Amino acid sequence: MILHRSVLTQYNLYFIDQMNTVITSSIVIVYMLYTVDARTVEEFGSDHLIYSIPFIYYGVFRYLYLLHKLRKDGDPISILLSDKKLQLNIMLWIIVCIGVIYFSLAL
């Protein structure tokens, strides 16, 4: 009995790790570009959303740490629900974003 999709047998762990590296790097770069984009600055009336970038870095690095070093399974939801540091990071990111977007805070 196969417990996963048969196509997954065609991928090896090295390939998946390489794709993971490309995707996580792309996520950080795209978010950074989003925070400084003229339309984003105009939409929110502030260029201070850039201060939320460290939380994105920490969140991505923490997830990769849990995934690779602590050998957590690859389910992002179970990792999120079980890691207090990742939860705290997300809460702080939300607070910074709300502060910048709704209250035009300059950190």
PDB file of N, CA and C in Angstrom:
ATOM      1  N   MET A   1       0.838  -1.185   0.000  1.00  0.00           N
ATOM      2  CA  MET A   1       0.000   0.000   0.000  1.00  0.00           C
ATOM      3  C   MET A   1       0.884   1.248   0.000  1.00  0.00           C
ATOM      4  N   ILE A   2       0.667   2.135  -0.946  1.00  0.00           N
ATOM      5  CA  ILE A   2       1.435   3.378  -1.048  1.00  0.00           C
ATOM      6  C   ILE A   2       0.731   4.449  -0.222  1.00  0.00           C
ATOM      7  N   LEU A   3       1.506   5.098   0.676  1.00  0.00           N
ATOM      8  CA  LEU A   3       0.939   6.117   1.548  1.00  0.00           C
ATOM      9  C   LEU A   3       1.174   7.534   1.030  1.00  0.00           C
ATOM     10  N   HIS A   4       1.742   7.639  -0.151  1.00  0.00           N
ATOM     11  CA  HIS A   4       1.984   8.944  -0.741  1.00  0.00           C
ATOM     12  C   HIS A   4       1.793   8.839  -2.251  1.00  0.00           C
ATOM     13  N   ARG A   5       1.828   9.975  -2.900  1.00  0.00           N
ATOM     14  CA  ARG A   5       1.665   9.983  -4.353  1.00  0.00           C
ATOM     15  C   ARG A   5       2.853   9.297  -5.007  1.00  0.00           C
ATOM     16  N   SER A   6       2.584   8.532  -6.028  1.00  0.00           N
ATOM     17  CA  SER A   6       3.645   7.768  -6.689  1.00  0.00           C
ATOM     18  C   SER A   6       4.699   8.661  -7.347  1.00  0.00           C
ATOM     19  N   VAL A   7       4.337   9.873  -7.734  1.00  0.00           N
ATOM     20  CA  VAL A   7       5.288  10.777  -8.378  1.00  0.00           C
ATOM     21  C   VAL A   7       6.413  11.159  -7.411  1.00  0.00           C
ATOM     22  N   LEU A   8       6.157  11.107  -6.120  1.00  0.00           N
ATOM     23  CA  LEU A   8       7.178  11.488  -5.144  1.00  0.00           C
ATOM     24  C   LEU A   8       8.364  10.537  -5.132  1.00  0.00           C
ATOM     25  N   THR A   9       8.206   9.352  -5.646  1.00  0.00           N
ATOM     26  CA  THR A   9       9.328   8.414  -5.705  1.00  0.00           C
ATOM     27  C   THR A   9      10.364   8.835  -6.744  1.00  0.00           C
ATOM     28  N   GLN A  10      10.000   9.746  -7.638  1.00  0.00           N
ATOM     29  CA  GLN A  10      10.916  10.204  -8.677  1.00  0.00           C
ATOM     30  C   GLN A  10      11.861  11.308  -8.198  1.00  0.00           C
ATOM     31  N   TYR A  11      11.633  11.835  -7.000  1.00  0.00           N
ATOM     32  CA  TYR A  11      12.475  12.897  -6.454  1.00  0.00           C
ATOM     33  C   TYR A  11      13.383  12.324  -5.377  1.00  0.00           C
ATOM     34  N   ASN A  12      14.625  12.814  -5.352  1.00  0.00           N
ATOM     35  CA  ASN A  12      15.494  12.399  -4.263  1.00  0.00           C
ATOM     36  C   ASN A  12      15.620  13.554  -3.258  1.00  0.00           C
ATOM     37  N   LEU A  13      16.144  13.256  -2.090  1.00  0.00           N
ATOM     38  CA  LEU A  13      16.228  14.228  -1.014  1.00  0.00           C
ATOM     39  C   LEU A  13      17.123  15.417  -1.376  1.00  0.00           C
ATOM     40  N   TYR A  14      18.208  15.161  -2.085  1.00  0.00           N
ATOM     41  CA  TYR A  14      19.106  16.242  -2.491  1.00  0.00           C
ATOM     42  C   TYR A  14      18.373  17.249  -3.370  1.00  0.00           C
ATOM     43  N   PHE A  15      17.613  16.767  -4.337  1.00  0.00           N
ATOM     44  CA  PHE A  15      16.865  17.650  -5.233  1.00  0.00           C
ATOM     45  C   PHE A  15      15.857  18.483  -4.450  1.00  0.00           C
ATOM     46  N   ILE A  16      15.155  17.864  -3.546  1.00  0.00           N
ATOM     47  CA  ILE A  16      14.153  18.574  -2.751  1.00  0.00           C
ATOM     48  C   ILE A  16      14.816  19.630  -1.877  1.00  0.00           C
ATOM     49  N   ASP A  17      15.965  19.302  -1.295  1.00  0.00           N
ATOM     50  CA  ASP A  17      16.686  20.290  -0.493  1.00  0.00           C
ATOM     51  C   ASP A  17      17.149  21.474  -1.336  1.00  0.00           C
ATOM     52  N   GLN A  18      17.608  21.206  -2.550  1.00  0.00           N
ATOM     53  CA  GLN A  18      18.027  22.292  -3.441  1.00  0.00           C
ATOM     54  C   GLN A  18      16.837  23.178  -3.818  1.00  0.00           C
ATOM     55  N   MET A  19      15.718  22.568  -4.104  1.00  0.00           N
ATOM     56  CA  MET A  19      14.515  23.343  -4.435  1.00  0.00           C
ATOM     57  C   MET A  19      14.054  24.153  -3.229  1.00  0.00           C
ATOM     58  N   ASN A  20      14.173  23.583  -2.057  1.00  0.00           N
ATOM     59  CA  ASN A  20      13.818  24.278  -0.830  1.00  0.00           C
ATOM     60  C   ASN A  20      14.681  25.533  -0.659  1.00  0.00           C
ATOM     61  N   THR A  21      15.961  25.427  -0.955  1.00  0.00           N
ATOM     62  CA  THR A  21      16.870  26.563  -0.863  1.00  0.00           C
ATOM     63  C   THR A  21      16.469  27.665  -1.848  1.00  0.00           C
ATOM     64  N   VAL A  22      16.171  27.289  -3.059  1.00  0.00           N
ATOM     65  CA  VAL A  22      15.770  28.271  -4.079  1.00  0.00           C
ATOM     66  C   VAL A  22      14.465  28.952  -3.680  1.00  0.00           C
ATOM     67  N   ILE A  23      13.520  28.189  -3.233  1.00  0.00           N
ATOM     68  CA  ILE A  23      12.210  28.749  -2.898  1.00  0.00           C
ATOM     69  C   ILE A  23      12.283  29.657  -1.681  1.00  0.00           C
ATOM     70  N   THR A  24      12.990  29.236  -0.639  1.00  0.00           N
ATOM     71  CA  THR A  24      13.070  30.079   0.551  1.00  0.00           C
ATOM     72  C   THR A  24      13.831  31.371   0.258  1.00  0.00           C
ATOM     73  N   SER A  25      14.872  31.303  -0.548  1.00  0.00           N
ATOM     74  CA  SER A  25      15.585  32.520  -0.945  1.00  0.00           C
ATOM     75  C   SER A  25      14.669  33.434  -1.755  1.00  0.00           C
ATOM     76  N   SER A  26      13.907  32.853  -2.631  1.00  0.00           N
ATOM     77  CA  SER A  26      12.976  33.641  -3.452  1.00  0.00           C
ATOM     78  C   SER A  26      11.910  34.314  -2.592  1.00  0.00           C
ATOM     79  N   ILE A  27      11.422  33.625  -1.588  1.00  0.00           N
ATOM     80  CA  ILE A  27      10.408  34.197  -0.701  1.00  0.00           C
ATOM     81  C   ILE A  27      10.948  35.450  -0.022  1.00  0.00           C
ATOM     82  N   VAL A  28      12.149  35.359   0.509  1.00  0.00           N
ATOM     83  CA  VAL A  28      12.745  36.498   1.198  1.00  0.00           C
ATOM     84  C   VAL A  28      12.968  37.654   0.227  1.00  0.00           C
ATOM     85  N   ILE A  29      13.487  37.378  -0.942  1.00  0.00           N
ATOM     86  CA  ILE A  29      13.750  38.442  -1.926  1.00  0.00           C
ATOM     87  C   ILE A  29      12.460  39.106  -2.385  1.00  0.00           C
ATOM     88  N   VAL A  30      11.461  38.311  -2.681  1.00  0.00           N
ATOM     89  CA  VAL A  30      10.181  38.872  -3.131  1.00  0.00           C
ATOM     90  C   VAL A  30       9.551  39.726  -2.035  1.00  0.00           C
ATOM     91  N   TYR A  31       9.607  39.265  -0.789  1.00  0.00           N
ATOM     92  CA  TYR A  31       9.044  40.055   0.304  1.00  0.00           C
ATOM     93  C   TYR A  31       9.812  41.370   0.463  1.00  0.00           C
ATOM     94  N   MET A  32      11.136  41.309   0.363  1.00  0.00           N
ATOM     95  CA  MET A  32      11.937  42.530   0.464  1.00  0.00           C
ATOM     96  C   MET A  32      11.562  43.521  -0.647  1.00  0.00           C
ATOM     97  N   LEU A  33      11.419  43.031  -1.857  1.00  0.00           N
ATOM     98  CA  LEU A  33      11.025  43.896  -2.973  1.00  0.00           C
ATOM     99  C   LEU A  33       9.626  44.461  -2.769  1.00  0.00           C
ATOM    100  N   TYR A  34       8.737  43.649  -2.208  1.00  0.00           N
ATOM    101  CA  TYR A  34       7.376  44.097  -1.936  1.00  0.00           C
ATOM    102  C   TYR A  34       7.370  45.265  -0.949  1.00  0.00           C
ATOM    103  N   THR A  35       8.198  45.173   0.094  1.00  0.00           N
ATOM    104  CA  THR A  35       8.181  46.214   1.120  1.00  0.00           C
ATOM    105  C   THR A  35       8.692  47.566   0.617  1.00  0.00           C
ATOM    106  N   VAL A  36       9.530  47.562  -0.410  1.00  0.00           N
ATOM    107  CA  VAL A  36      10.075  48.824  -0.920  1.00  0.00           C
ATOM    108  C   VAL A  36       9.438  49.255  -2.241  1.00  0.00           C
ATOM    109  N   ASP A  37       8.510  48.468  -2.745  1.00  0.00           N
ATOM    110  CA  ASP A  37       7.851  48.791  -4.005  1.00  0.00           C
ATOM    111  C   ASP A  37       7.057  50.093  -3.865  1.00  0.00           C
ATOM    112  N   ALA A  38       7.092  50.918  -4.900  1.00  0.00           N
ATOM    113  CA  ALA A  38       6.418  52.221  -4.869  1.00  0.00           C
ATOM    114  C   ALA A  38       4.918  52.071  -4.614  1.00  0.00           C
ATOM    115  N   ARG A  39       4.315  51.061  -5.192  1.00  0.00           N
ATOM    116  CA  ARG A  39       2.867  50.867  -4.992  1.00  0.00           C
ATOM    117  C   ARG A  39       2.559  50.496  -3.543  1.00  0.00           C
ATOM    118  N   THR A  40       3.394  49.674  -2.930  1.00  0.00           N
ATOM    119  CA  THR A  40       3.199  49.302  -1.533  1.00  0.00           C
ATOM    120  C   THR A  40       3.346  50.520  -0.633  1.00  0.00           C
ATOM    121  N   VAL A  41       4.382  51.308  -0.881  1.00  0.00           N
ATOM    122  CA  VAL A  41       4.605  52.521  -0.090  1.00  0.00           C
ATOM    123  C   VAL A  41       3.428  53.467  -0.240  1.00  0.00           C
ATOM    124  N   GLU A  42       2.939  53.617  -1.474  1.00  0.00           N
ATOM    125  CA  GLU A  42       1.781  54.486  -1.712  1.00  0.00           C
ATOM    126  C   GLU A  42       0.525  53.938  -1.051  1.00  0.00           C
ATOM    127  N   GLU A  43       0.319  52.646  -1.162  1.00  0.00           N
ATOM    128  CA  GLU A  43      -0.872  52.002  -0.592  1.00  0.00           C
ATOM    129  C   GLU A  43      -0.955  52.183   0.918  1.00  0.00           C
ATOM    130  N   PHE A  44       0.175  52.002   1.600  1.00  0.00           N
ATOM    131  CA  PHE A  44       0.179  52.055   3.059  1.00  0.00           C
ATOM    132  C   PHE A  44       0.621  53.405   3.608  1.00  0.00           C
ATOM    133  N   GLY A  45       1.080  54.289   2.721  1.00  0.00           N
ATOM    134  CA  GLY A  45       1.471  55.616   3.153  1.00  0.00           C
ATOM    135  C   GLY A  45       2.713  55.630   4.022  1.00  0.00           C
ATOM    136  N   SER A  46       3.540  54.616   3.881  1.00  0.00           N
ATOM    137  CA  SER A  46       4.753  54.533   4.696  1.00  0.00           C
ATOM    138  C   SER A  46       5.779  53.654   3.995  1.00  0.00           C
ATOM    139  N   ASP A  47       7.029  54.005   4.178  1.00  0.00           N
ATOM    140  CA  ASP A  47       8.095  53.156   3.650  1.00  0.00           C
ATOM    141  C   ASP A  47       8.754  52.354   4.778  1.00  0.00           C
ATOM    142  N   HIS A  48       8.090  52.281   5.917  1.00  0.00           N
ATOM    143  CA  HIS A  48       8.658  51.617   7.089  1.00  0.00           C
ATOM    144  C   HIS A  48       8.326  50.131   7.176  1.00  0.00           C
ATOM    145  N   LEU A  49       7.621  49.609   6.195  1.00  0.00           N
ATOM    146  CA  LEU A  49       7.333  48.173   6.196  1.00  0.00           C
ATOM    147  C   LEU A  49       8.626  47.362   6.066  1.00  0.00           C
ATOM    148  N   ILE A  50       9.666  48.009   5.624  1.00  0.00           N
ATOM    149  CA  ILE A  50      10.973  47.353   5.496  1.00  0.00           C
ATOM    150  C   ILE A  50      11.457  46.816   6.851  1.00  0.00           C
ATOM    151  N   TYR A  51      10.980  47.403   7.952  1.00  0.00           N
ATOM    152  CA  TYR A  51      11.386  46.950   9.283  1.00  0.00           C
ATOM    153  C   TYR A  51      10.813  45.582   9.655  1.00  0.00           C
ATOM    154  N   SER A  52       9.932  45.065   8.845  1.00  0.00           N
ATOM    155  CA  SER A  52       9.382  43.728   9.107  1.00  0.00           C
ATOM    156  C   SER A  52      10.242  42.626   8.491  1.00  0.00           C
ATOM    157  N   ILE A  53      11.220  42.994   7.682  1.00  0.00           N
ATOM    158  CA  ILE A  53      12.060  42.006   6.993  1.00  0.00           C
ATOM    159  C   ILE A  53      12.827  41.080   7.945  1.00  0.00           C
ATOM    160  N   PRO A  54      13.401  41.571   9.042  1.00  0.00           N
ATOM    161  CA  PRO A  54      14.111  40.639   9.935  1.00  0.00           C
ATOM    162  C   PRO A  54      13.236  39.500  10.454  1.00  0.00           C
ATOM    163  N   PHE A  55      11.954  39.759  10.614  1.00  0.00           N
ATOM    164  CA  PHE A  55      11.049  38.702  11.073  1.00  0.00           C
ATOM    165  C   PHE A  55      10.860  37.626  10.005  1.00  0.00           C
ATOM    166  N   ILE A  56      10.881  38.043   8.753  1.00  0.00           N
ATOM    167  CA  ILE A  56      10.794  37.080   7.654  1.00  0.00           C
ATOM    168  C   ILE A  56      12.051  36.222   7.625  1.00  0.00           C
ATOM    169  N   TYR A  57      13.203  36.865   7.740  1.00  0.00           N
ATOM    170  CA  TYR A  57      14.458  36.109   7.791  1.00  0.00           C
ATOM    171  C   TYR A  57      14.443  35.100   8.936  1.00  0.00           C
ATOM    172  N   TYR A  58      14.105  35.578  10.121  1.00  0.00           N
ATOM    173  CA  TYR A  58      14.122  34.681  11.278  1.00  0.00           C
ATOM    174  C   TYR A  58      13.134  33.532  11.084  1.00  0.00           C
ATOM    175  N   GLY A  59      11.944  33.830  10.591  1.00  0.00           N
ATOM    176  CA  GLY A  59      10.935  32.790  10.398  1.00  0.00           C
ATOM    177  C   GLY A  59      11.386  31.720   9.419  1.00  0.00           C
ATOM    178  N   VAL A  60      11.971  32.144   8.317  1.00  0.00           N
ATOM    179  CA  VAL A  60      12.466  31.187   7.322  1.00  0.00           C
ATOM    180  C   VAL A  60      13.616  30.365   7.894  1.00  0.00           C
ATOM    181  N   PHE A  61      14.561  31.041   8.544  1.00  0.00           N
ATOM    182  CA  PHE A  61      15.706  30.321   9.113  1.00  0.00           C
ATOM    183  C   PHE A  61      15.278  29.389  10.239  1.00  0.00           C
ATOM    184  N   ARG A  62      14.341  29.821  11.057  1.00  0.00           N
ATOM    185  CA  ARG A  62      13.861  28.967  12.155  1.00  0.00           C
ATOM    186  C   ARG A  62      13.174  27.726  11.590  1.00  0.00           C
ATOM    187  N   TYR A  63      12.351  27.913  10.565  1.00  0.00           N
ATOM    188  CA  TYR A  63      11.669  26.773   9.950  1.00  0.00           C
ATOM    189  C   TYR A  63      12.691  25.792   9.371  1.00  0.00           C
ATOM    190  N   LEU A  64      13.672  26.307   8.648  1.00  0.00           N
ATOM    191  CA  LEU A  64      14.698  25.430   8.070  1.00  0.00           C
ATOM    192  C   LEU A  64      15.511  24.729   9.157  1.00  0.00           C
ATOM    193  N   TYR A  65      15.790  25.437  10.238  1.00  0.00           N
ATOM    194  CA  TYR A  65      16.497  24.829  11.363  1.00  0.00           C
ATOM    195  C   TYR A  65      15.689  23.668  11.932  1.00  0.00           C
ATOM    196  N   LEU A  66      14.424  23.893  12.172  1.00  0.00           N
ATOM    197  CA  LEU A  66      13.576  22.837  12.725  1.00  0.00           C
ATOM    198  C   LEU A  66      13.460  21.668  11.756  1.00  0.00           C
ATOM    199  N   LEU A  67      13.386  21.988  10.486  1.00  0.00           N
ATOM    200  CA  LEU A  67      13.233  20.957   9.468  1.00  0.00           C
ATOM    201  C   LEU A  67      14.493  20.107   9.326  1.00  0.00           C
ATOM    202  N   HIS A  68      15.658  20.743   9.290  1.00  0.00           N
ATOM    203  CA  HIS A  68      16.896  20.020   8.996  1.00  0.00           C
ATOM    204  C   HIS A  68      17.671  19.585  10.236  1.00  0.00           C
ATOM    205  N   LYS A  69      17.833  20.459  11.200  1.00  0.00           N
ATOM    206  CA  LYS A  69      18.662  20.131  12.358  1.00  0.00           C
ATOM    207  C   LYS A  69      17.925  19.302  13.395  1.00  0.00           C
ATOM    208  N   LEU A  70      16.680  19.621  13.632  1.00  0.00           N
ATOM    209  CA  LEU A  70      15.920  18.880  14.639  1.00  0.00           C
ATOM    210  C   LEU A  70      15.085  17.764  14.040  1.00  0.00           C
ATOM    211  N   ARG A  71      15.188  17.619  12.713  1.00  0.00           N
ATOM    212  CA  ARG A  71      14.504  16.530  11.994  1.00  0.00           C
ATOM    213  C   ARG A  71      12.996  16.498  12.234  1.00  0.00           C
ATOM    214  N   LYS A  72      12.401  17.686  12.303  1.00  0.00           N
ATOM    215  CA  LYS A  72      10.940  17.744  12.379  1.00  0.00           C
ATOM    216  C   LYS A  72      10.400  17.305  11.025  1.00  0.00           C
ATOM    217  N   ASP A  73       9.151  16.838  11.005  1.00  0.00           N
ATOM    218  CA  ASP A  73       8.616  16.436   9.704  1.00  0.00           C
ATOM    219  C   ASP A  73       8.323  17.679   8.875  1.00  0.00           C
ATOM    220  N   GLY A  74       8.063  17.526   7.623  1.00  0.00           N
ATOM    221  CA  GLY A  74       7.928  18.641   6.710  1.00  0.00           C
ATOM    222  C   GLY A  74       6.588  19.342   6.722  1.00  0.00           C
ATOM    223  N   ASP A  75       5.699  18.984   7.636  1.00  0.00           N
ATOM    224  CA  ASP A  75       4.388  19.617   7.685  1.00  0.00           C
ATOM    225  C   ASP A  75       4.507  20.982   8.360  1.00  0.00           C
ATOM    226  N   PRO A  76       4.380  22.068   7.610  1.00  0.00           N
ATOM    227  CA  PRO A  76       4.578  23.394   8.182  1.00  0.00           C
ATOM    228  C   PRO A  76       3.590  23.727   9.303  1.00  0.00           C
ATOM    229  N   ILE A  77       2.381  23.224   9.208  1.00  0.00           N
ATOM    230  CA  ILE A  77       1.380  23.509  10.236  1.00  0.00           C
ATOM    231  C   ILE A  77       1.772  22.868  11.557  1.00  0.00           C
ATOM    232  N   SER A  78       2.207  21.610  11.528  1.00  0.00           N
ATOM    233  CA  SER A  78       2.602  20.962  12.779  1.00  0.00           C
ATOM    234  C   SER A  78       3.844  21.616  13.363  1.00  0.00           C
ATOM    235  N   ILE A  79       4.756  22.081  12.515  1.00  0.00           N
ATOM    236  CA  ILE A  79       5.936  22.795  13.009  1.00  0.00           C
ATOM    237  C   ILE A  79       5.512  24.116  13.647  1.00  0.00           C
ATOM    238  N   LEU A  80       4.643  24.844  12.985  1.00  0.00           N
ATOM    239  CA  LEU A  80       4.173  26.116  13.515  1.00  0.00           C
ATOM    240  C   LEU A  80       3.460  25.939  14.851  1.00  0.00           C
ATOM    241  N   LEU A  81       2.606  24.941  14.931  1.00  0.00           N
ATOM    242  CA  LEU A  81       1.829  24.739  16.158  1.00  0.00           C
ATOM    243  C   LEU A  81       2.670  24.216  17.311  1.00  0.00           C
ATOM    244  N   SER A  82       3.843  23.669  17.031  1.00  0.00           N
ATOM    245  CA  SER A  82       4.656  23.088  18.100  1.00  0.00           C
ATOM    246  C   SER A  82       5.847  23.948  18.501  1.00  0.00           C
ATOM    247  N   ASP A  83       6.123  25.031  17.787  1.00  0.00           N
ATOM    248  CA  ASP A  83       7.316  25.825  18.078  1.00  0.00           C
ATOM    249  C   ASP A  83       6.933  27.213  18.592  1.00  0.00           C
ATOM    250  N   LYS A  84       7.214  27.456  19.850  1.00  0.00           N
ATOM    251  CA  LYS A  84       6.854  28.730  20.496  1.00  0.00           C
ATOM    252  C   LYS A  84       7.645  29.902  19.925  1.00  0.00           C
ATOM    253  N   LYS A  85       8.905  29.686  19.572  1.00  0.00           N
ATOM    254  CA  LYS A  85       9.727  30.780  19.025  1.00  0.00           C
ATOM    255  C   LYS A  85       9.200  31.226  17.663  1.00  0.00           C
ATOM    256  N   LEU A  86       8.770  30.287  16.858  1.00  0.00           N
ATOM    257  CA  LEU A  86       8.203  30.625  15.557  1.00  0.00           C
ATOM    258  C   LEU A  86       6.870  31.351  15.728  1.00  0.00           C
ATOM    259  N   GLN A  87       6.074  30.914  16.683  1.00  0.00           N
ATOM    260  CA  GLN A  87       4.804  31.579  16.967  1.00  0.00           C
ATOM    261  C   GLN A  87       5.029  33.018  17.446  1.00  0.00           C
ATOM    262  N   LEU A  88       6.011  33.197  18.338  1.00  0.00           N
ATOM    263  CA  LEU A  88       6.330  34.532  18.835  1.00  0.00           C
ATOM    264  C   LEU A  88       6.810  35.425  17.692  1.00  0.00           C
ATOM    265  N   ASN A  89       7.634  34.890  16.823  1.00  0.00           N
ATOM    266  CA  ASN A  89       8.124  35.641  15.675  1.00  0.00           C
ATOM    267  C   ASN A  89       6.967  36.112  14.789  1.00  0.00           C
ATOM    268  N   ILE A  90       6.027  35.239  14.535  1.00  0.00           N
ATOM    269  CA  ILE A  90       4.879  35.607  13.700  1.00  0.00           C
ATOM    270  C   ILE A  90       4.038  36.680  14.380  1.00  0.00           C
ATOM    271  N   MET A  91       3.839  36.559  15.688  1.00  0.00           N
ATOM    272  CA  MET A  91       3.075  37.578  16.418  1.00  0.00           C
ATOM    273  C   MET A  91       3.778  38.930  16.365  1.00  0.00           C
ATOM    274  N   LEU A  92       5.094  38.933  16.536  1.00  0.00           N
ATOM    275  CA  LEU A  92       5.844  40.190  16.467  1.00  0.00           C
ATOM    276  C   LEU A  92       5.808  40.788  15.065  1.00  0.00           C
ATOM    277  N   TRP A  93       5.897  39.932  14.043  1.00  0.00           N
ATOM    278  CA  TRP A  93       5.793  40.401  12.661  1.00  0.00           C
ATOM    279  C   TRP A  93       4.430  41.061  12.418  1.00  0.00           C
ATOM    280  N   ILE A  94       3.381  40.429  12.919  1.00  0.00           N
ATOM    281  CA  ILE A  94       2.025  40.983  12.759  1.00  0.00           C
ATOM    282  C   ILE A  94       1.915  42.328  13.470  1.00  0.00           C
ATOM    283  N   ILE A  95       2.460  42.417  14.674  1.00  0.00           N
ATOM    284  CA  ILE A  95       2.413  43.670  15.432  1.00  0.00           C
ATOM    285  C   ILE A  95       3.153  44.781  14.683  1.00  0.00           C
ATOM    286  N   VAL A  96       4.334  44.482  14.165  1.00  0.00           N
ATOM    287  CA  VAL A  96       5.095  45.481  13.410  1.00  0.00           C
ATOM    288  C   VAL A  96       4.321  45.906  12.168  1.00  0.00           C
ATOM    289  N   CYS A  97       3.772  44.946  11.442  1.00  0.00           N
ATOM    290  CA  CYS A  97       3.014  45.281  10.223  1.00  0.00           C
ATOM    291  C   CYS A  97       1.781  46.115  10.541  1.00  0.00           C
ATOM    292  N   ILE A  98       1.054  45.756  11.588  1.00  0.00           N
ATOM    293  CA  ILE A  98      -0.122  46.542  11.981  1.00  0.00           C
ATOM    294  C   ILE A  98       0.299  47.951  12.384  1.00  0.00           C
ATOM    295  N   GLY A  99       1.396  48.035  13.145  1.00  0.00           N
ATOM    296  CA  GLY A  99       1.880  49.353  13.566  1.00  0.00           C
ATOM    297  C   GLY A  99       2.265  50.233  12.391  1.00  0.00           C
ATOM    298  N   VAL A 100       2.940  49.661  11.426  1.00  0.00           N
ATOM    299  CA  VAL A 100       3.373  50.436  10.259  1.00  0.00           C
ATOM    300  C   VAL A 100       2.197  50.767   9.351  1.00  0.00           C
ATOM    301  N   ILE A 101       1.339  49.799   9.089  1.00  0.00           N
ATOM    302  CA  ILE A 101       0.256  49.992   8.133  1.00  0.00           C
ATOM    303  C   ILE A 101      -0.861  50.871   8.683  1.00  0.00           C
ATOM    304  N   TYR A 102      -1.301  50.598   9.912  1.00  0.00           N
ATOM    305  CA  TYR A 102      -2.465  51.292  10.426  1.00  0.00           C
ATOM    306  C   TYR A 102      -2.136  52.529  11.288  1.00  0.00           C
ATOM    307  N   PHE A 103      -0.940  52.554  11.844  1.00  0.00           N
ATOM    308  CA  PHE A 103      -0.608  53.663  12.728  1.00  0.00           C
ATOM    309  C   PHE A 103       0.598  54.460  12.240  1.00  0.00           C
ATOM    310  N   SER A 104       1.094  54.137  11.049  1.00  0.00           N
ATOM    311  CA  SER A 104       2.237  54.818  10.433  1.00  0.00           C
ATOM    312  C   SER A 104       3.410  54.992  11.397  1.00  0.00           C
ATOM    313  N   LEU A 105       3.680  53.927  12.141  1.00  0.00           N
ATOM    314  CA  LEU A 105       4.792  53.964  13.093  1.00  0.00           C
ATOM    315  C   LEU A 105       6.112  53.891  12.370  1.00  0.00           C
ATOM    316  N   ALA A 106       7.030  54.696  12.820  1.00  0.00           N
ATOM    317  CA  ALA A 106       8.407  54.623  12.330  1.00  0.00           C
ATOM    318  C   ALA A 106       9.227  53.988  13.445  1.00  0.00           C
ATOM    319  N   LEU A 107       9.717  52.806  13.201  1.00  0.00           N
ATOM    320  CA  LEU A 107      10.419  52.085  14.258  1.00  0.00           C
ATOM    321  C   LEU A 107      11.839  52.549  14.416  1.00  0.00           C
TER     322      LEU A 107
END
